[in-house]
Amino acid sequence: MLSETIALGKGQDPMTNLIRSVVRAYPRFSYVVAVVIGMLLGHLFWQ
């Protein structure tokens, strides 16, 4: 949230707007990335 506040204070778009636009443009790719991250985290933290 700090980076968003700084970006808005400077009159720039926050990074979350860029990420949101990329996810909307490539929904399948973003889904695959989310699944891979979930698998990696599950593998690392499964006890």
C-alpha atoms as a PDB file:
ATOM      1  CA  MET A   1       0.000   0.000   0.000  1.00  0.00           C
ATOM      2  CA  LEU A   2       2.914   2.305   0.592  1.00  0.00           C
ATOM      3  CA  SER A   3       4.086   2.044  -3.006  1.00  0.00           C
ATOM      4  CA  GLU A   4       0.552   2.785  -4.244  1.00  0.00           C
ATOM      5  CA  THR A   5       0.348   5.865  -2.030  1.00  0.00           C
ATOM      6  CA  ILE A   6       3.725   7.104  -3.264  1.00  0.00           C
ATOM      7  CA  ALA A   7       2.776   6.496  -6.899  1.00  0.00           C
ATOM      8  CA  LEU A   8      -0.510   8.348  -6.511  1.00  0.00           C
ATOM      9  CA  GLY A   9       1.293  11.179  -4.762  1.00  0.00           C
ATOM     10  CA  LYS A  10       3.646  11.481  -7.735  1.00  0.00           C
ATOM     11  CA  GLY A  11       0.744  11.370 -10.188  1.00  0.00           C
ATOM     12  CA  GLN A  12       1.685   7.964 -11.607  1.00  0.00           C
ATOM     13  CA  ASP A  13      -0.362   4.797 -11.941  1.00  0.00           C
ATOM     14  CA  PRO A  14       0.315   2.254  -9.188  1.00  0.00           C
ATOM     15  CA  MET A  15       1.892  -1.087 -10.074  1.00  0.00           C
ATOM     16  CA  THR A  16      -1.354  -2.916  -9.252  1.00  0.00           C
ATOM     17  CA  ASN A  17      -3.034  -1.274 -12.254  1.00  0.00           C
ATOM     18  CA  LEU A  18      -0.358  -2.748 -14.526  1.00  0.00           C
ATOM     19  CA  ILE A  19      -0.733  -6.196 -12.982  1.00  0.00           C
ATOM     20  CA  ARG A  20      -4.516  -6.022 -13.246  1.00  0.00           C
ATOM     21  CA  SER A  21      -4.356  -5.104 -16.935  1.00  0.00           C
ATOM     22  CA  VAL A  22      -1.916  -7.957 -17.677  1.00  0.00           C
ATOM     23  CA  VAL A  23      -4.161 -10.471 -15.886  1.00  0.00           C
ATOM     24  CA  ARG A  24      -7.173  -9.290 -17.888  1.00  0.00           C
ATOM     25  CA  ALA A  25      -5.227  -9.475 -21.144  1.00  0.00           C
ATOM     26  CA  TYR A  26      -3.840 -13.000 -20.514  1.00  0.00           C
ATOM     27  CA  PRO A  27      -6.267 -14.886 -18.233  1.00  0.00           C
ATOM     28  CA  ARG A  28      -5.009 -18.394 -19.076  1.00  0.00           C
ATOM     29  CA  PHE A  29      -1.383 -17.477 -18.482  1.00  0.00           C
ATOM     30  CA  SER A  30      -2.201 -15.807 -15.168  1.00  0.00           C
ATOM     31  CA  TYR A  31      -4.168 -18.896 -14.109  1.00  0.00           C
ATOM     32  CA  VAL A  32      -1.204 -21.147 -14.935  1.00  0.00           C
ATOM     33  CA  VAL A  33       1.147 -18.878 -12.973  1.00  0.00           C
ATOM     34  CA  ALA A  34      -1.216 -18.940  -9.975  1.00  0.00           C
ATOM     35  CA  VAL A  35      -1.410 -22.746 -10.066  1.00  0.00           C
ATOM     36  CA  VAL A  36       2.379 -23.109 -10.308  1.00  0.00           C
ATOM     37  CA  ILE A  37       2.912 -20.722  -7.394  1.00  0.00           C
ATOM     38  CA  GLY A  38       0.341 -22.650  -5.371  1.00  0.00           C
ATOM     39  CA  MET A  39       2.051 -25.949  -6.157  1.00  0.00           C
ATOM     40  CA  LEU A  40       5.459 -24.591  -5.181  1.00  0.00           C
ATOM     41  CA  LEU A  41       4.176 -23.138  -1.918  1.00  0.00           C
ATOM     42  CA  GLY A  42       2.288 -26.331  -1.148  1.00  0.00           C
ATOM     43  CA  HIS A  43       5.380 -28.395  -1.816  1.00  0.00           C
ATOM     44  CA  LEU A  44       7.578 -26.195   0.356  1.00  0.00           C
ATOM     45  CA  PHE A  45       5.232 -25.806   3.315  1.00  0.00           C
ATOM     46  CA  TRP A  46       3.422 -29.164   3.401  1.00  0.00           C
ATOM     47  CA  GLN A  47       4.292 -30.829   6.681  1.00  0.00           C
END
